[in-house]
Amino acid sequence: MNRLVLVPLVLYLLIPSAVAAQVKIDVAAKHYRVQEEIHARVENTGGRSVTFCVELGQASPRGAEIESTPSPFWVQEYSDSKWGTLMIGPDVGSIRAVVVLETGESKEFPFRLNDSGRMRLRLNYWYGSILNMDCYAPPKRLKLATSSIFTID
């Protein structure tokens, strides 16, 4: 009798989260070296368009050089049994731009990291095509996508 009640309850809790997972972040590999190029792709797997912001002033180290690597992600490192956000953002005054992905579309964002450890990427996004969205004062009801964990040695 308890199983008859438990199964519908579990399905009720799991199905909405599966439907809501509209944006997927794919990281090409599970292991990288410091400053190796990481290919991360944002994919809209849902049935409607999504909007997110890209930081155009983002840069990545490449040996002694710095290269421009626009990115929509914030990077987190696992340390001391918790996730913390890396301070890799651009200086004050950078430009953010709106990106809209239609159903089935994807966009790749290559970048490099100087840090080592267990990492993941996170992305804030919104449902719908919001071309005039202000990335500095975005609307409420944001959604969050998280990549799988990868390691940098």
Protein backbone atom coordinates (compact mmCIF):
# COMPACT_ATOMS: atom_id res chain seq x y z
CA MET A 1 0.00 0.00 0.00
CA ASN A 2 2.82 2.42 0.85
CA ARG A 3 4.42 1.76 -2.54
CA LEU A 4 1.21 2.74 -4.30
CA VAL A 5 1.38 6.14 -2.65
CA LEU A 6 5.15 6.55 -2.94
CA VAL A 7 5.49 5.88 -6.71
CA PRO A 8 3.10 8.65 -7.86
CA LEU A 9 4.69 11.06 -5.37
CA VAL A 10 8.20 10.37 -6.71
CA LEU A 11 6.99 10.77 -10.32
CA TYR A 12 5.25 14.02 -9.42
CA LEU A 13 8.49 15.39 -7.98
CA LEU A 14 10.83 14.18 -10.75
CA ILE A 15 8.86 14.87 -13.95
CA PRO A 16 8.60 18.69 -13.57
CA SER A 17 12.37 18.98 -13.04
CA ALA A 18 13.05 16.92 -16.16
CA VAL A 19 10.69 19.09 -18.21
CA ALA A 20 12.16 22.30 -16.79
CA ALA A 21 15.73 21.31 -17.69
CA GLN A 22 15.61 23.15 -20.99
CA VAL A 23 19.21 24.34 -21.23
CA LYS A 24 22.14 21.96 -21.16
CA ILE A 25 25.82 22.87 -20.74
CA ASP A 26 28.17 20.38 -22.40
CA VAL A 27 31.86 20.40 -21.57
CA ALA A 28 33.83 18.53 -24.23
CA ALA A 29 36.11 16.55 -21.88
CA LYS A 30 36.31 15.59 -18.21
CA HIS A 31 40.02 16.44 -17.71
CA TYR A 32 42.07 19.45 -18.81
CA ARG A 33 45.46 20.96 -18.14
CA VAL A 34 45.88 24.52 -16.79
CA GLN A 35 45.40 27.00 -19.67
CA GLU A 36 44.19 24.27 -22.06
CA GLU A 37 41.29 25.40 -24.21
CA ILE A 38 37.95 24.20 -22.85
CA HIS A 39 35.07 23.91 -25.31
CA ALA A 40 31.76 24.50 -23.51
CA ARG A 41 28.50 24.44 -25.44
CA VAL A 42 25.12 25.82 -24.39
CA GLU A 43 22.27 23.83 -25.96
CA ASN A 44 18.55 24.59 -25.92
CA THR A 45 16.93 21.17 -25.63
CA GLY A 46 13.46 22.44 -24.80
CA GLY A 47 10.41 23.45 -26.75
CA ARG A 48 10.77 27.24 -26.57
CA SER A 49 13.46 29.87 -27.00
CA VAL A 50 15.72 30.96 -24.15
CA THR A 51 17.71 34.12 -23.46
CA PHE A 52 20.99 34.57 -21.59
CA CYS A 53 23.73 37.19 -21.29
CA VAL A 54 27.32 36.94 -22.51
CA GLU A 55 30.16 38.92 -20.94
CA LEU A 56 32.07 40.33 -23.92
CA GLY A 57 34.98 41.64 -21.85
CA GLN A 58 35.96 38.18 -20.61
CA ALA A 59 39.57 37.11 -21.32
CA SER A 60 41.57 33.92 -20.79
CA PRO A 61 45.32 33.39 -20.24
CA ARG A 62 47.19 31.71 -23.09
CA GLY A 63 50.80 31.40 -22.00
CA ALA A 64 52.15 34.94 -21.72
CA GLU A 65 49.26 36.32 -23.80
CA ILE A 66 45.65 37.12 -22.98
CA GLU A 67 42.92 36.23 -25.50
CA SER A 68 39.35 37.44 -25.72
CA THR A 69 36.90 34.69 -24.73
CA PRO A 70 33.35 36.01 -24.39
CA SER A 71 31.49 33.85 -21.89
CA PRO A 72 28.02 33.46 -20.40
CA PHE A 73 29.27 31.25 -17.55
CA TRP A 74 30.37 31.70 -14.01
CA VAL A 75 32.96 29.12 -13.01
CA GLN A 76 32.87 27.34 -9.68
CA GLU A 77 35.57 25.31 -7.94
CA TYR A 78 34.95 22.60 -5.35
CA SER A 79 37.10 23.24 -2.28
CA ASP A 80 36.69 22.54 1.43
CA SER A 81 33.51 20.51 0.80
CA LYS A 82 31.66 23.37 -0.94
CA TRP A 83 31.35 25.15 -4.28
CA GLY A 84 32.83 28.64 -4.58
CA THR A 85 32.73 31.01 -7.54
CA LEU A 86 36.06 31.96 -9.12
CA MET A 87 36.76 35.65 -9.52
CA ILE A 88 37.62 35.56 -13.21
CA GLY A 89 35.24 38.24 -14.46
CA PRO A 90 36.26 41.28 -16.47
CA ASP A 91 36.97 44.72 -15.10
CA VAL A 92 34.26 47.27 -14.39
CA GLY A 93 32.82 48.79 -17.55
CA SER A 94 32.69 45.66 -19.67
CA ILE A 95 29.86 44.98 -22.07
CA ARG A 96 27.19 42.31 -21.74
CA ALA A 97 25.12 41.20 -24.70
CA VAL A 98 21.90 39.23 -25.05
CA VAL A 99 21.97 35.84 -26.78
CA VAL A 100 18.77 34.05 -27.80
CA LEU A 101 18.80 30.32 -28.56
CA GLU A 102 15.83 28.90 -30.39
CA THR A 103 14.68 25.32 -29.88
CA GLY A 104 17.42 22.87 -30.87
CA GLU A 105 20.09 25.56 -31.29
CA SER A 106 23.45 25.58 -29.55
CA LYS A 107 26.41 27.94 -29.23
CA GLU A 108 29.99 27.15 -28.23
CA PHE A 109 32.07 29.27 -25.85
CA PRO A 110 35.77 28.28 -25.68
CA PHE A 111 37.83 29.57 -22.73
CA ARG A 112 40.87 28.73 -20.58
CA LEU A 113 41.46 28.63 -16.83
CA ASN A 114 44.57 29.24 -14.73
CA ASP A 115 43.18 27.45 -11.68
CA SER A 116 43.30 23.72 -11.00
CA GLY A 117 40.85 21.44 -9.22
CA ARG A 118 37.28 20.19 -9.65
CA MET A 119 35.24 22.73 -11.62
CA ARG A 120 31.75 23.27 -13.00
CA LEU A 121 30.05 25.93 -15.10
CA ARG A 122 26.79 27.67 -14.26
CA LEU A 123 24.52 29.73 -16.48
CA ASN A 124 21.53 31.96 -15.71
CA TYR A 125 18.88 31.99 -18.43
CA TRP A 126 15.29 33.07 -19.03
CA TYR A 127 12.45 31.54 -21.03
CA GLY A 128 11.47 33.32 -24.22
CA SER A 129 13.17 35.54 -26.76
CA ILE A 130 13.96 38.75 -24.83
CA LEU A 131 16.07 40.70 -27.33
CA ASN A 132 15.75 44.00 -25.45
CA MET A 133 16.67 42.53 -22.05
CA ASP A 134 18.96 44.66 -19.87
CA CYS A 135 21.71 42.28 -18.75
CA TYR A 136 22.64 44.66 -15.91
CA ALA A 137 19.06 44.56 -14.54
CA PRO A 138 17.63 41.27 -15.81
CA PRO A 139 14.07 40.14 -15.14
CA LYS A 140 13.15 37.86 -12.26
CA ARG A 141 12.28 34.18 -12.71
CA LEU A 142 15.71 33.22 -13.90
CA LYS A 143 16.57 29.59 -14.47
CA LEU A 144 19.91 27.97 -13.72
CA ALA A 145 21.83 25.38 -15.73
CA THR A 146 24.87 23.56 -14.35
CA SER A 147 27.48 21.59 -16.29
CA SER A 148 28.91 18.27 -15.30
CA ILE A 149 32.03 18.39 -13.14
CA PHE A 150 35.42 18.48 -14.87
CA THR A 151 38.99 18.53 -13.53
CA ILE A 152 41.91 20.79 -14.30
CA ASP A 153 45.42 19.57 -13.42
